[in-house]
Amino acid sequence: MPRATNSPASRKRRKRILMKAKGFRGGRSKLFRTAKDSVYKAMQWAYRDRKVRKRTFRGLWIQRINAAAKLNGMTYSRFMEGLKAAGIELDRKVLSDIAIKDADAFKALVQSSAKALEEKAKQAA
């Protein structure tokens, strides 16, 4: 009696892996064993890089805000401190978008930030 291999399920499982390996070079897309290793590794990198993407975008937003703030005569850290003092709660993504698309609105934010810093300094003295 031949052994049972559960052929439909195992073929489906292998095909699923090979479909995920589509576009890989050489045997990595054709041979099941190497494709399986490559797909598992690719999934690990994808998981890690979803976290890294958040870091890199935050850095980009900070650079854009800093550049726009310097054009208006203020550094990034002082600008953010002033916004906090003024009670303006906008995240860096939105601030970056405003800096790029609406320079006048960003200038108004810088002015309100500077005003809040002056008031903070008066209170401290």
PDB file of N, CA and C in Angstrom:
ATOM      1  N   MET A   1       0.841  -1.187   0.000  1.00  0.00           N
ATOM      2  CA  MET A   1       0.000   0.000   0.000  1.00  0.00           C
ATOM      3  C   MET A   1       0.888   1.254   0.000  1.00  0.00           C
ATOM      4  N   PRO A   2       0.651   2.208  -0.925  1.00  0.00           N
ATOM      5  CA  PRO A   2       1.491   3.417  -0.976  1.00  0.00           C
ATOM      6  C   PRO A   2       1.225   4.306   0.242  1.00  0.00           C
ATOM      7  N   ARG A   3       2.261   5.056   0.586  1.00  0.00           N
ATOM      8  CA  ARG A   3       2.111   5.927   1.751  1.00  0.00           C
ATOM      9  C   ARG A   3       1.262   7.146   1.395  1.00  0.00           C
ATOM     10  N   ALA A   4       0.560   7.657   2.363  1.00  0.00           N
ATOM     11  CA  ALA A   4      -0.275   8.844   2.169  1.00  0.00           C
ATOM     12  C   ALA A   4       0.613  10.088   2.318  1.00  0.00           C
ATOM     13  N   THR A   5       0.543  10.995   1.354  1.00  0.00           N
ATOM     14  CA  THR A   5       1.411  12.185   1.379  1.00  0.00           C
ATOM     15  C   THR A   5       0.628  13.481   1.547  1.00  0.00           C
ATOM     16  N   ASN A   6      -0.691  13.379   1.574  1.00  0.00           N
ATOM     17  CA  ASN A   6      -1.533  14.576   1.658  1.00  0.00           C
ATOM     18  C   ASN A   6      -1.149  15.547   0.535  1.00  0.00           C
ATOM     19  N   SER A   7      -1.090  14.997  -0.655  1.00  0.00           N
ATOM     20  CA  SER A   7      -0.583  15.714  -1.826  1.00  0.00           C
ATOM     21  C   SER A   7      -1.247  17.070  -2.094  1.00  0.00           C
ATOM     22  N   PRO A   8      -2.580  17.194  -2.078  1.00  0.00           N
ATOM     23  CA  PRO A   8      -3.166  18.510  -2.385  1.00  0.00           C
ATOM     24  C   PRO A   8      -2.711  19.611  -1.422  1.00  0.00           C
ATOM     25  N   ALA A   9      -2.679  19.296  -0.141  1.00  0.00           N
ATOM     26  CA  ALA A   9      -2.304  20.311   0.844  1.00  0.00           C
ATOM     27  C   ALA A   9      -0.832  20.670   0.741  1.00  0.00           C
ATOM     28  N   SER A  10       0.042  19.676   0.578  1.00  0.00           N
ATOM     29  CA  SER A  10       1.475  19.980   0.512  1.00  0.00           C
ATOM     30  C   SER A  10       1.816  20.722  -0.774  1.00  0.00           C
ATOM     31  N   ARG A  11       1.124  20.381  -1.869  1.00  0.00           N
ATOM     32  CA  ARG A  11       1.359  21.107  -3.125  1.00  0.00           C
ATOM     33  C   ARG A  11       0.911  22.559  -2.987  1.00  0.00           C
ATOM     34  N   LYS A  12      -0.230  22.764  -2.330  1.00  0.00           N
ATOM     35  CA  LYS A  12      -0.729  24.120  -2.115  1.00  0.00           C
ATOM     36  C   LYS A  12       0.247  24.921  -1.248  1.00  0.00           C
ATOM     37  N   ARG A  13       0.789  24.271  -0.212  1.00  0.00           N
ATOM     38  CA  ARG A  13       1.729  24.930   0.690  1.00  0.00           C
ATOM     39  C   ARG A  13       2.993  25.344  -0.062  1.00  0.00           C
ATOM     40  N   ARG A  14       3.515  24.425  -0.892  1.00  0.00           N
ATOM     41  CA  ARG A  14       4.724  24.742  -1.672  1.00  0.00           C
ATOM     42  C   ARG A  14       4.455  25.840  -2.694  1.00  0.00           C
ATOM     43  N   LYS A  15       3.284  25.759  -3.326  1.00  0.00           N
ATOM     44  CA  LYS A  15       2.951  26.746  -4.347  1.00  0.00           C
ATOM     45  C   LYS A  15       2.841  28.146  -3.721  1.00  0.00           C
ATOM     46  N   ARG A  16       2.290  28.209  -2.508  1.00  0.00           N
ATOM     47  CA  ARG A  16       2.155  29.495  -1.816  1.00  0.00           C
ATOM     48  C   ARG A  16       3.526  30.121  -1.577  1.00  0.00           C
ATOM     49  N   ILE A  17       4.483  29.306  -1.160  1.00  0.00           N
ATOM     50  CA  ILE A  17       5.850  29.806  -0.929  1.00  0.00           C
ATOM     51  C   ILE A  17       6.471  30.257  -2.249  1.00  0.00           C
ATOM     52  N   LEU A  18       6.309  29.452  -3.295  1.00  0.00           N
ATOM     53  CA  LEU A  18       6.909  29.795  -4.589  1.00  0.00           C
ATOM     54  C   LEU A  18       6.280  31.056  -5.184  1.00  0.00           C
ATOM     55  N   MET A  19       5.007  31.282  -4.915  1.00  0.00           N
ATOM     56  CA  MET A  19       4.375  32.508  -5.395  1.00  0.00           C
ATOM     57  C   MET A  19       4.963  33.733  -4.677  1.00  0.00           C
ATOM     58  N   LYS A  20       5.249  33.581  -3.373  1.00  0.00           N
ATOM     59  CA  LYS A  20       5.860  34.689  -2.635  1.00  0.00           C
ATOM     60  C   LYS A  20       7.283  34.944  -3.102  1.00  0.00           C
ATOM     61  N   ALA A  21       7.944  33.906  -3.642  1.00  0.00           N
ATOM     62  CA  ALA A  21       9.330  34.038  -4.087  1.00  0.00           C
ATOM     63  C   ALA A  21       9.417  34.500  -5.541  1.00  0.00           C
ATOM     64  N   LYS A  22       8.305  34.827  -6.139  1.00  0.00           N
ATOM     65  CA  LYS A  22       8.306  35.272  -7.534  1.00  0.00           C
ATOM     66  C   LYS A  22       9.129  36.545  -7.654  1.00  0.00           C
ATOM     67  N   GLY A  23      10.026  36.577  -8.616  1.00  0.00           N
ATOM     68  CA  GLY A  23      10.867  37.752  -8.805  1.00  0.00           C
ATOM     69  C   GLY A  23      12.236  37.616  -8.164  1.00  0.00           C
ATOM     70  N   PHE A  24      12.426  36.609  -7.303  1.00  0.00           N
ATOM     71  CA  PHE A  24      13.753  36.382  -6.731  1.00  0.00           C
ATOM     72  C   PHE A  24      14.659  35.812  -7.814  1.00  0.00           C
ATOM     73  N   ARG A  25      15.983  35.965  -7.641  1.00  0.00           N
ATOM     74  CA  ARG A  25      16.926  35.534  -8.670  1.00  0.00           C
ATOM     75  C   ARG A  25      17.231  34.049  -8.589  1.00  0.00           C
ATOM     76  N   GLY A  26      17.360  33.431  -9.746  1.00  0.00           N
ATOM     77  CA  GLY A  26      17.845  32.052  -9.841  1.00  0.00           C
ATOM     78  C   GLY A  26      16.967  31.046  -9.126  1.00  0.00           C
ATOM     79  N   GLY A  27      17.631  30.110  -8.427  1.00  0.00           N
ATOM     80  CA  GLY A  27      16.929  29.039  -7.758  1.00  0.00           C
ATOM     81  C   GLY A  27      16.054  29.513  -6.616  1.00  0.00           C
ATOM     82  N   ARG A  28      16.301  30.717  -6.158  1.00  0.00           N
ATOM     83  CA  ARG A  28      15.499  31.250  -5.063  1.00  0.00           C
ATOM     84  C   ARG A  28      14.022  31.385  -5.452  1.00  0.00           C
ATOM     85  N   SER A  29      13.736  31.454  -6.742  1.00  0.00           N
ATOM     86  CA  SER A  29      12.338  31.549  -7.160  1.00  0.00           C
ATOM     87  C   SER A  29      11.829  30.239  -7.754  1.00  0.00           C
ATOM     88  N   LYS A  30      12.724  29.266  -7.980  1.00  0.00           N
ATOM     89  CA  LYS A  30      12.313  28.033  -8.665  1.00  0.00           C
ATOM     90  C   LYS A  30      12.314  26.806  -7.746  1.00  0.00           C
ATOM     91  N   LEU A  31      13.304  26.714  -6.865  1.00  0.00           N
ATOM     92  CA  LEU A  31      13.480  25.536  -6.035  1.00  0.00           C
ATOM     93  C   LEU A  31      12.842  25.769  -4.668  1.00  0.00           C
ATOM     94  N   PHE A  32      12.041  24.809  -4.245  1.00  0.00           N
ATOM     95  CA  PHE A  32      11.254  25.025  -3.033  1.00  0.00           C
ATOM     96  C   PHE A  32      12.119  25.295  -1.814  1.00  0.00           C
ATOM     97  N   ARG A  33      13.162  24.500  -1.614  1.00  0.00           N
ATOM     98  CA  ARG A  33      13.932  24.628  -0.375  1.00  0.00           C
ATOM     99  C   ARG A  33      14.607  25.996  -0.268  1.00  0.00           C
ATOM    100  N   THR A  34      15.258  26.432  -1.340  1.00  0.00           N
ATOM    101  CA  THR A  34      15.913  27.742  -1.292  1.00  0.00           C
ATOM    102  C   THR A  34      14.878  28.868  -1.292  1.00  0.00           C
ATOM    103  N   ALA A  35      13.762  28.662  -1.990  1.00  0.00           N
ATOM    104  CA  ALA A  35      12.707  29.681  -2.010  1.00  0.00           C
ATOM    105  C   ALA A  35      12.126  29.855  -0.613  1.00  0.00           C
ATOM    106  N   LYS A  36      11.948  28.754   0.091  1.00  0.00           N
ATOM    107  CA  LYS A  36      11.386  28.814   1.450  1.00  0.00           C
ATOM    108  C   LYS A  36      12.299  29.633   2.362  1.00  0.00           C
ATOM    109  N   ASP A  37      13.600  29.345   2.302  1.00  0.00           N
ATOM    110  CA  ASP A  37      14.551  30.092   3.131  1.00  0.00           C
ATOM    111  C   ASP A  37      14.528  31.577   2.772  1.00  0.00           C
ATOM    112  N   SER A  38      14.501  31.864   1.472  1.00  0.00           N
ATOM    113  CA  SER A  38      14.524  33.256   1.017  1.00  0.00           C
ATOM    114  C   SER A  38      13.267  34.006   1.434  1.00  0.00           C
ATOM    115  N   VAL A  39      12.119  33.348   1.338  1.00  0.00           N
ATOM    116  CA  VAL A  39      10.854  33.988   1.706  1.00  0.00           C
ATOM    117  C   VAL A  39      10.814  34.247   3.203  1.00  0.00           C
ATOM    118  N   TYR A  40      11.256  33.293   4.015  1.00  0.00           N
ATOM    119  CA  TYR A  40      11.263  33.499   5.465  1.00  0.00           C
ATOM    120  C   TYR A  40      12.176  34.662   5.838  1.00  0.00           C
ATOM    121  N   LYS A  41      13.341  34.727   5.201  1.00  0.00           N
ATOM    122  CA  LYS A  41      14.281  35.803   5.482  1.00  0.00           C
ATOM    123  C   LYS A  41      13.687  37.146   5.033  1.00  0.00           C
ATOM    124  N   ALA A  42      13.057  37.146   3.856  1.00  0.00           N
ATOM    125  CA  ALA A  42      12.438  38.370   3.341  1.00  0.00           C
ATOM    126  C   ALA A  42      11.339  38.853   4.274  1.00  0.00           C
ATOM    127  N   MET A  43      10.592  37.919   4.857  1.00  0.00           N
ATOM    128  CA  MET A  43       9.535  38.297   5.786  1.00  0.00           C
ATOM    129  C   MET A  43      10.120  38.898   7.067  1.00  0.00           C
ATOM    130  N   GLN A  44      11.264  38.392   7.515  1.00  0.00           N
ATOM    131  CA  GLN A  44      11.923  38.966   8.693  1.00  0.00           C
ATOM    132  C   GLN A  44      12.369  40.403   8.405  1.00  0.00           C
ATOM    133  N   TRP A  45      12.952  40.607   7.233  1.00  0.00           N
ATOM    134  CA  TRP A  45      13.396  41.953   6.864  1.00  0.00           C
ATOM    135  C   TRP A  45      12.208  42.900   6.734  1.00  0.00           C
ATOM    136  N   ALA A  46      11.112  42.390   6.163  1.00  0.00           N
ATOM    137  CA  ALA A  46       9.929  43.228   5.982  1.00  0.00           C
ATOM    138  C   ALA A  46       9.384  43.668   7.337  1.00  0.00           C
ATOM    139  N   TYR A  47       9.367  42.756   8.297  1.00  0.00           N
ATOM    140  CA  TYR A  47       8.885  43.086   9.643  1.00  0.00           C
ATOM    141  C   TYR A  47       9.773  44.154  10.272  1.00  0.00           C
ATOM    142  N   ARG A  48      11.083  43.943  10.172  1.00  0.00           N
ATOM    143  CA  ARG A  48      12.034  44.903  10.754  1.00  0.00           C
ATOM    144  C   ARG A  48      11.906  46.265  10.078  1.00  0.00           C
ATOM    145  N   ASP A  49      11.813  46.249   8.758  1.00  0.00           N
ATOM    146  CA  ASP A  49      11.839  47.508   8.012  1.00  0.00           C
ATOM    147  C   ASP A  49      10.543  48.297   8.110  1.00  0.00           C
ATOM    148  N   ARG A  50       9.448  47.646   8.514  1.00  0.00           N
ATOM    149  CA  ARG A  50       8.240  48.424   8.788  1.00  0.00           C
ATOM    150  C   ARG A  50       8.474  49.332   9.987  1.00  0.00           C
ATOM    151  N   LYS A  51       9.291  48.883  10.922  1.00  0.00           N
ATOM    152  CA  LYS A  51       9.645  49.718  12.075  1.00  0.00           C
ATOM    153  C   LYS A  51      10.656  50.796  11.663  1.00  0.00           C
ATOM    154  N   VAL A  52      11.627  50.412  10.838  1.00  0.00           N
ATOM    155  CA  VAL A  52      12.676  51.343  10.410  1.00  0.00           C
ATOM    156  C   VAL A  52      12.074  52.477   9.580  1.00  0.00           C
ATOM    157  N   ARG A  53      11.063  52.155   8.775  1.00  0.00           N
ATOM    158  CA  ARG A  53      10.431  53.181   7.935  1.00  0.00           C
ATOM    159  C   ARG A  53       9.882  54.315   8.794  1.00  0.00           C
ATOM    160  N   LYS A  54       9.297  53.974   9.926  1.00  0.00           N
ATOM    161  CA  LYS A  54       8.754  54.995  10.826  1.00  0.00           C
ATOM    162  C   LYS A  54       9.863  55.908  11.338  1.00  0.00           C
ATOM    163  N   ARG A  55      11.020  55.305  11.662  1.00  0.00           N
ATOM    164  CA  ARG A  55      12.161  56.102  12.132  1.00  0.00           C
ATOM    165  C   ARG A  55      12.664  57.043  11.060  1.00  0.00           C
ATOM    166  N   THR A  56      12.824  56.513   9.837  1.00  0.00           N
ATOM    167  CA  THR A  56      13.413  57.330   8.777  1.00  0.00           C
ATOM    168  C   THR A  56      12.483  58.473   8.375  1.00  0.00           C
ATOM    169  N   PHE A  57      11.171  58.219   8.362  1.00  0.00           N
ATOM    170  CA  PHE A  57      10.248  59.296   8.019  1.00  0.00           C
ATOM    171  C   PHE A  57      10.248  60.376   9.087  1.00  0.00           C
ATOM    172  N   ARG A  58      10.308  59.968  10.359  1.00  0.00           N
ATOM    173  CA  ARG A  58      10.359  60.967  11.430  1.00  0.00           C
ATOM    174  C   ARG A  58      11.590  61.854  11.266  1.00  0.00           C
ATOM    175  N   GLY A  59      12.739  61.248  10.933  1.00  0.00           N
ATOM    176  CA  GLY A  59      13.961  62.018  10.701  1.00  0.00           C
ATOM    177  C   GLY A  59      13.810  62.989   9.542  1.00  0.00           C
ATOM    178  N   LEU A  60      13.154  62.537   8.483  1.00  0.00           N
ATOM    179  CA  LEU A  60      12.921  63.395   7.320  1.00  0.00           C
ATOM    180  C   LEU A  60      12.038  64.583   7.682  1.00  0.00           C
ATOM    181  N   TRP A  61      10.966  64.308   8.446  1.00  0.00           N
ATOM    182  CA  TRP A  61      10.068  65.396   8.850  1.00  0.00           C
ATOM    183  C   TRP A  61      10.815  66.416   9.696  1.00  0.00           C
ATOM    184  N   ILE A  62      11.673  65.934  10.602  1.00  0.00           N
ATOM    185  CA  ILE A  62      12.426  66.844  11.466  1.00  0.00           C
ATOM    186  C   ILE A  62      13.369  67.711  10.636  1.00  0.00           C
ATOM    187  N   GLN A  63      14.027  67.125   9.641  1.00  0.00           N
ATOM    188  CA  GLN A  63      14.921  67.893   8.770  1.00  0.00           C
ATOM    189  C   GLN A  63      14.154  68.979   8.024  1.00  0.00           C
ATOM    190  N   ARG A  64      12.978  68.642   7.529  1.00  0.00           N
ATOM    191  CA  ARG A  64      12.174  69.621   6.788  1.00  0.00           C
ATOM    192  C   ARG A  64      11.706  70.766   7.695  1.00  0.00           C
ATOM    193  N   ILE A  65      11.269  70.402   8.897  1.00  0.00           N
ATOM    194  CA  ILE A  65      10.819  71.428   9.851  1.00  0.00           C
ATOM    195  C   ILE A  65      11.983  72.331  10.224  1.00  0.00           C
ATOM    196  N   ASN A  66      13.134  71.731  10.469  1.00  0.00           N
ATOM    197  CA  ASN A  66      14.329  72.503  10.832  1.00  0.00           C
ATOM    198  C   ASN A  66      14.703  73.482   9.721  1.00  0.00           C
ATOM    199  N   ALA A  67      14.684  73.013   8.478  1.00  0.00           N
ATOM    200  CA  ALA A  67      15.034  73.877   7.348  1.00  0.00           C
ATOM    201  C   ALA A  67      14.060  75.046   7.243  1.00  0.00           C
ATOM    202  N   ALA A  68      12.769  74.762   7.390  1.00  0.00           N
ATOM    203  CA  ALA A  68      11.764  75.819   7.282  1.00  0.00           C
ATOM    204  C   ALA A  68      11.862  76.783   8.465  1.00  0.00           C
ATOM    205  N   ALA A  69      12.148  76.243   9.642  1.00  0.00           N
ATOM    206  CA  ALA A  69      12.273  77.103  10.825  1.00  0.00           C
ATOM    207  C   ALA A  69      13.485  78.019  10.683  1.00  0.00           C
ATOM    208  N   LYS A  70      14.582  77.502  10.162  1.00  0.00           N
ATOM    209  CA  LYS A  70      15.783  78.318   9.977  1.00  0.00           C
ATOM    210  C   LYS A  70      15.549  79.420   8.947  1.00  0.00           C
ATOM    211  N   LEU A  71      14.729  79.151   7.938  1.00  0.00           N
ATOM    212  CA  LEU A  71      14.384  80.198   6.975  1.00  0.00           C
ATOM    213  C   LEU A  71      13.632  81.341   7.664  1.00  0.00           C
ATOM    214  N   ASN A  72      12.950  81.001   8.760  1.00  0.00           N
ATOM    215  CA  ASN A  72      12.202  82.013   9.513  1.00  0.00           C
ATOM    216  C   ASN A  72      12.950  82.467  10.758  1.00  0.00           C
ATOM    217  N   GLY A  73      14.239  82.169  10.842  1.00  0.00           N
ATOM    218  CA  GLY A  73      15.081  82.692  11.909  1.00  0.00           C
ATOM    219  C   GLY A  73      14.970  81.985  13.245  1.00  0.00           C
ATOM    220  N   MET A  74      14.687  80.687  13.232  1.00  0.00           N
ATOM    221  CA  MET A  74      14.566  79.938  14.483  1.00  0.00           C
ATOM    222  C   MET A  74      15.083  78.516  14.270  1.00  0.00           C
ATOM    223  N   THR A  75      15.621  77.910  15.315  1.00  0.00           N
ATOM    224  CA  THR A  75      16.075  76.522  15.183  1.00  0.00           C
ATOM    225  C   THR A  75      14.917  75.572  15.467  1.00  0.00           C
ATOM    226  N   TYR A  76      15.107  74.325  15.100  1.00  0.00           N
ATOM    227  CA  TYR A  76      14.070  73.309  15.285  1.00  0.00           C
ATOM    228  C   TYR A  76      13.699  73.146  16.753  1.00  0.00           C
ATOM    229  N   SER A  77      14.715  73.023  17.603  1.00  0.00           N
ATOM    230  CA  SER A  77      14.430  72.738  19.015  1.00  0.00           C
ATOM    231  C   SER A  77      13.699  73.904  19.684  1.00  0.00           C
ATOM    232  N   ARG A  78      14.105  75.124  19.379  1.00  0.00           N
ATOM    233  CA  ARG A  78      13.423  76.303  19.946  1.00  0.00           C
ATOM    234  C   ARG A  78      11.989  76.405  19.396  1.00  0.00           C
ATOM    235  N   PHE A  79      11.832  76.090  18.121  1.00  0.00           N
ATOM    236  CA  PHE A  79      10.506  76.115  17.492  1.00  0.00           C
ATOM    237  C   PHE A  79       9.565  75.128  18.180  1.00  0.00           C
ATOM    238  N   MET A  80      10.046  73.905  18.406  1.00  0.00           N
ATOM    239  CA  MET A  80       9.216  72.882  19.033  1.00  0.00           C
ATOM    240  C   MET A  80       8.913  73.250  20.492  1.00  0.00           C
ATOM    241  N   GLU A  81       9.894  73.818  21.173  1.00  0.00           N
ATOM    242  CA  GLU A  81       9.680  74.255  22.556  1.00  0.00           C
ATOM    243  C   GLU A  81       8.612  75.343  22.612  1.00  0.00           C
ATOM    244  N   GLY A  82       8.685  76.266  21.656  1.00  0.00           N
ATOM    245  CA  GLY A  82       7.699  77.343  21.593  1.00  0.00           C
ATOM    246  C   GLY A  82       6.302  76.837  21.275  1.00  0.00           C
ATOM    247  N   LEU A  83       6.212  75.867  20.385  1.00  0.00           N
ATOM    248  CA  LEU A  83       4.901  75.299  20.064  1.00  0.00           C
ATOM    249  C   LEU A  83       4.286  74.636  21.291  1.00  0.00           C
ATOM    250  N   LYS A  84       5.122  73.929  22.044  1.00  0.00           N
ATOM    251  CA  LYS A  84       4.638  73.273  23.253  1.00  0.00           C
ATOM    252  C   LYS A  84       4.174  74.311  24.266  1.00  0.00           C
ATOM    253  N   ALA A  85       4.947  75.386  24.403  1.00  0.00           N
ATOM    254  CA  ALA A  85       4.589  76.457  25.335  1.00  0.00           C
ATOM    255  C   ALA A  85       3.300  77.160  24.902  1.00  0.00           C
ATOM    256  N   ALA A  86       3.091  77.269  23.591  1.00  0.00           N
ATOM    257  CA  ALA A  86       1.892  77.921  23.068  1.00  0.00           C
ATOM    258  C   ALA A  86       0.672  77.005  23.117  1.00  0.00           C
ATOM    259  N   GLY A  87       0.906  75.725  23.401  1.00  0.00           N
ATOM    260  CA  GLY A  87      -0.202  74.772  23.459  1.00  0.00           C
ATOM    261  C   GLY A  87      -0.666  74.308  22.096  1.00  0.00           C
ATOM    262  N   ILE A  88       0.207  74.417  21.094  1.00  0.00           N
ATOM    263  CA  ILE A  88      -0.129  73.970  19.743  1.00  0.00           C
ATOM    264  C   ILE A  88       0.337  72.525  19.599  1.00  0.00           C
ATOM    265  N   GLU A  89      -0.610  71.625  19.420  1.00  0.00           N
ATOM    266  CA  GLU A  89      -0.286  70.200  19.351  1.00  0.00           C
ATOM    267  C   GLU A  89      -0.432  69.698  17.917  1.00  0.00           C
ATOM    268  N   LEU A  90       0.604  69.902  17.136  1.00  0.00           N
ATOM    269  CA  LEU A  90       0.657  69.357  15.782  1.00  0.00           C
ATOM    270  C   LEU A  90       1.835  68.388  15.721  1.00  0.00           C
ATOM    271  N   ASP A  91       1.618  67.235  15.110  1.00  0.00           N
ATOM    272  CA  ASP A  91       2.727  66.292  15.020  1.00  0.00           C
ATOM    273  C   ASP A  91       3.693  66.681  13.906  1.00  0.00           C
ATOM    274  N   ARG A  92       4.837  66.036  13.895  1.00  0.00           N
ATOM    275  CA  ARG A  92       5.904  66.416  12.972  1.00  0.00           C
ATOM    276  C   ARG A  92       5.521  66.186  11.516  1.00  0.00           C
ATOM    277  N   LYS A  93       4.721  65.174  11.263  1.00  0.00           N
ATOM    278  CA  LYS A  93       4.280  64.904   9.893  1.00  0.00           C
ATOM    279  C   LYS A  93       3.465  66.082   9.358  1.00  0.00           C
ATOM    280  N   VAL A  94       2.540  66.566  10.150  1.00  0.00           N
ATOM    281  CA  VAL A  94       1.682  67.689   9.732  1.00  0.00           C
ATOM    282  C   VAL A  94       2.502  68.970   9.611  1.00  0.00           C
ATOM    283  N   LEU A  95       3.395  69.203  10.582  1.00  0.00           N
ATOM    284  CA  LEU A  95       4.247  70.402  10.519  1.00  0.00           C
ATOM    285  C   LEU A  95       5.105  70.397   9.266  1.00  0.00           C
ATOM    286  N   SER A  96       5.644  69.230   8.923  1.00  0.00           N
ATOM    287  CA  SER A  96       6.469  69.107   7.724  1.00  0.00           C
ATOM    288  C   SER A  96       5.649  69.423   6.477  1.00  0.00           C
ATOM    289  N   ASP A  97       4.432  68.912   6.444  1.00  0.00           N
ATOM    290  CA  ASP A  97       3.545  69.145   5.303  1.00  0.00           C
ATOM    291  C   ASP A  97       3.211  70.635   5.178  1.00  0.00           C
ATOM    292  N   ILE A  98       2.935  71.276   6.310  1.00  0.00           N
ATOM    293  CA  ILE A  98       2.643  72.719   6.296  1.00  0.00           C
ATOM    294  C   ILE A  98       3.869  73.498   5.816  1.00  0.00           C
ATOM    295  N   ALA A  99       5.058  73.094   6.287  1.00  0.00           N
ATOM    296  CA  ALA A  99       6.289  73.788   5.901  1.00  0.00           C
ATOM    297  C   ALA A  99       6.510  73.737   4.395  1.00  0.00           C
ATOM    298  N   ILE A 100       6.144  72.611   3.780  1.00  0.00           N
ATOM    299  CA  ILE A 100       6.354  72.452   2.339  1.00  0.00           C
ATOM    300  C   ILE A 100       5.276  73.178   1.535  1.00  0.00           C
ATOM    301  N   LYS A 101       4.016  72.992   1.930  1.00  0.00           N
ATOM    302  CA  LYS A 101       2.909  73.437   1.084  1.00  0.00           C
ATOM    303  C   LYS A 101       2.392  74.838   1.382  1.00  0.00           C
ATOM    304  N   ASP A 102       2.567  75.306   2.620  1.00  0.00           N
ATOM    305  CA  ASP A 102       1.988  76.601   2.990  1.00  0.00           C
ATOM    306  C   ASP A 102       2.979  77.382   3.848  1.00  0.00           C
ATOM    307  N   ALA A 103       3.868  78.114   3.186  1.00  0.00           N
ATOM    308  CA  ALA A 103       4.927  78.842   3.897  1.00  0.00           C
ATOM    309  C   ALA A 103       4.366  79.928   4.815  1.00  0.00           C
ATOM    310  N   ASP A 104       3.277  80.561   4.415  1.00  0.00           N
ATOM    311  CA  ASP A 104       2.686  81.626   5.234  1.00  0.00           C
ATOM    312  C   ASP A 104       2.145  81.070   6.555  1.00  0.00           C
ATOM    313  N   ALA A 105       1.476  79.934   6.475  1.00  0.00           N
ATOM    314  CA  ALA A 105       0.939  79.305   7.692  1.00  0.00           C
ATOM    315  C   ALA A 105       2.078  78.879   8.613  1.00  0.00           C
ATOM    316  N   PHE A 106       3.159  78.377   8.019  1.00  0.00           N
ATOM    317  CA  PHE A 106       4.304  77.971   8.839  1.00  0.00           C
ATOM    318  C   PHE A 106       4.949  79.190   9.493  1.00  0.00           C
ATOM    319  N   LYS A 107       4.998  80.289   8.760  1.00  0.00           N
ATOM    320  CA  LYS A 107       5.565  81.521   9.330  1.00  0.00           C
ATOM    321  C   LYS A 107       4.731  81.987  10.526  1.00  0.00           C
ATOM    322  N   ALA A 108       3.412  81.858  10.418  1.00  0.00           N
ATOM    323  CA  ALA A 108       2.528  82.224  11.530  1.00  0.00           C
ATOM    324  C   ALA A 108       2.781  81.315  12.735  1.00  0.00           C
ATOM    325  N   LEU A 109       3.040  80.034  12.473  1.00  0.00           N
ATOM    326  CA  LEU A 109       3.369  79.101  13.563  1.00  0.00           C
ATOM    327  C   LEU A 109       4.673  79.503  14.238  1.00  0.00           C
ATOM    328  N   VAL A 110       5.667  79.893  13.425  1.00  0.00           N
ATOM    329  CA  VAL A 110       6.957  80.321  13.985  1.00  0.00           C
ATOM    330  C   VAL A 110       6.766  81.560  14.850  1.00  0.00           C
ATOM    331  N   GLN A 111       5.946  82.488  14.378  1.00  0.00           N
ATOM    332  CA  GLN A 111       5.705  83.714  15.150  1.00  0.00           C
ATOM    333  C   GLN A 111       5.005  83.418  16.475  1.00  0.00           C
ATOM    334  N   SER A 112       4.007  82.535  16.442  1.00  0.00           N
ATOM    335  CA  SER A 112       3.312  82.194  17.688  1.00  0.00           C
ATOM    336  C   SER A 112       4.234  81.421  18.629  1.00  0.00           C
ATOM    337  N   SER A 113       5.138  80.645  18.057  1.00  0.00           N
ATOM    338  CA  SER A 113       6.130  79.916  18.855  1.00  0.00           C
ATOM    339  C   SER A 113       7.091  80.900  19.529  1.00  0.00           C
ATOM    340  N   ALA A 114       7.546  81.891  18.780  1.00  0.00           N
ATOM    341  CA  ALA A 114       8.461  82.897  19.328  1.00  0.00           C
ATOM    342  C   ALA A 114       7.778  83.709  20.433  1.00  0.00           C
ATOM    343  N   LYS A 115       6.521  84.042  20.209  1.00  0.00           N
ATOM    344  CA  LYS A 115       5.768  84.801  21.203  1.00  0.00           C
ATOM    345  C   LYS A 115       5.614  84.002  22.504  1.00  0.00           C
ATOM    346  N   ALA A 116       5.324  82.726  22.368  1.00  0.00           N
ATOM    347  CA  ALA A 116       5.175  81.861  23.542  1.00  0.00           C
ATOM    348  C   ALA A 116       6.495  81.711  24.288  1.00  0.00           C
ATOM    349  N   LEU A 117       7.616  81.679  23.549  1.00  0.00           N
ATOM    350  CA  LEU A 117       8.930  81.593  24.199  1.00  0.00           C
ATOM    351  C   LEU A 117       9.242  82.870  24.983  1.00  0.00           C
ATOM    352  N   GLU A 118       8.852  84.022  24.419  1.00  0.00           N
ATOM    353  CA  GLU A 118       9.076  85.294  25.127  1.00  0.00           C
ATOM    354  C   GLU A 118       8.274  85.326  26.431  1.00  0.00           C
ATOM    355  N   GLU A 119       7.028  84.889  26.363  1.00  0.00           N
ATOM    356  CA  GLU A 119       6.179  84.869  27.562  1.00  0.00           C
ATOM    357  C   GLU A 119       6.738  83.894  28.600  1.00  0.00           C
ATOM    358  N   LYS A 120       7.256  82.773  28.109  1.00  0.00           N
ATOM    359  CA  LYS A 120       7.858  81.776  29.015  1.00  0.00           C
ATOM    360  C   LYS A 120       9.074  82.364  29.712  1.00  0.00           C
ATOM    361  N   ALA A 121       9.878  83.126  28.969  1.00  0.00           N
ATOM    362  CA  ALA A 121      11.076  83.745  29.550  1.00  0.00           C
ATOM    363  C   ALA A 121      10.687  84.809  30.582  1.00  0.00           C
ATOM    364  N   LYS A 122       9.613  85.561  30.307  1.00  0.00           N
ATOM    365  CA  LYS A 122       9.146  86.585  31.251  1.00  0.00           C
ATOM    366  C   LYS A 122       8.688  85.944  32.564  1.00  0.00           C
ATOM    367  N   GLN A 123       7.999  84.832  32.442  1.00  0.00           N
ATOM    368  CA  GLN A 123       7.498  84.135  33.633  1.00  0.00           C
ATOM    369  C   GLN A 123       8.638  83.551  34.465  1.00  0.00           C
ATOM    370  N   ALA A 124       9.675  83.100  33.776  1.00  0.00           N
ATOM    371  CA  ALA A 124      10.822  82.500  34.478  1.00  0.00           C
ATOM    372  C   ALA A 124      11.621  83.563  35.217  1.00  0.00           C
ATOM    373  N   ALA A 125      11.648  84.790  34.668  1.00  0.00           N
ATOM    374  CA  ALA A 125      12.456  85.862  35.280  1.00  0.00           C
ATOM    375  C   ALA A 125      11.779  86.540  36.443  1.00  0.00           C
TER     376      ALA A 125
END
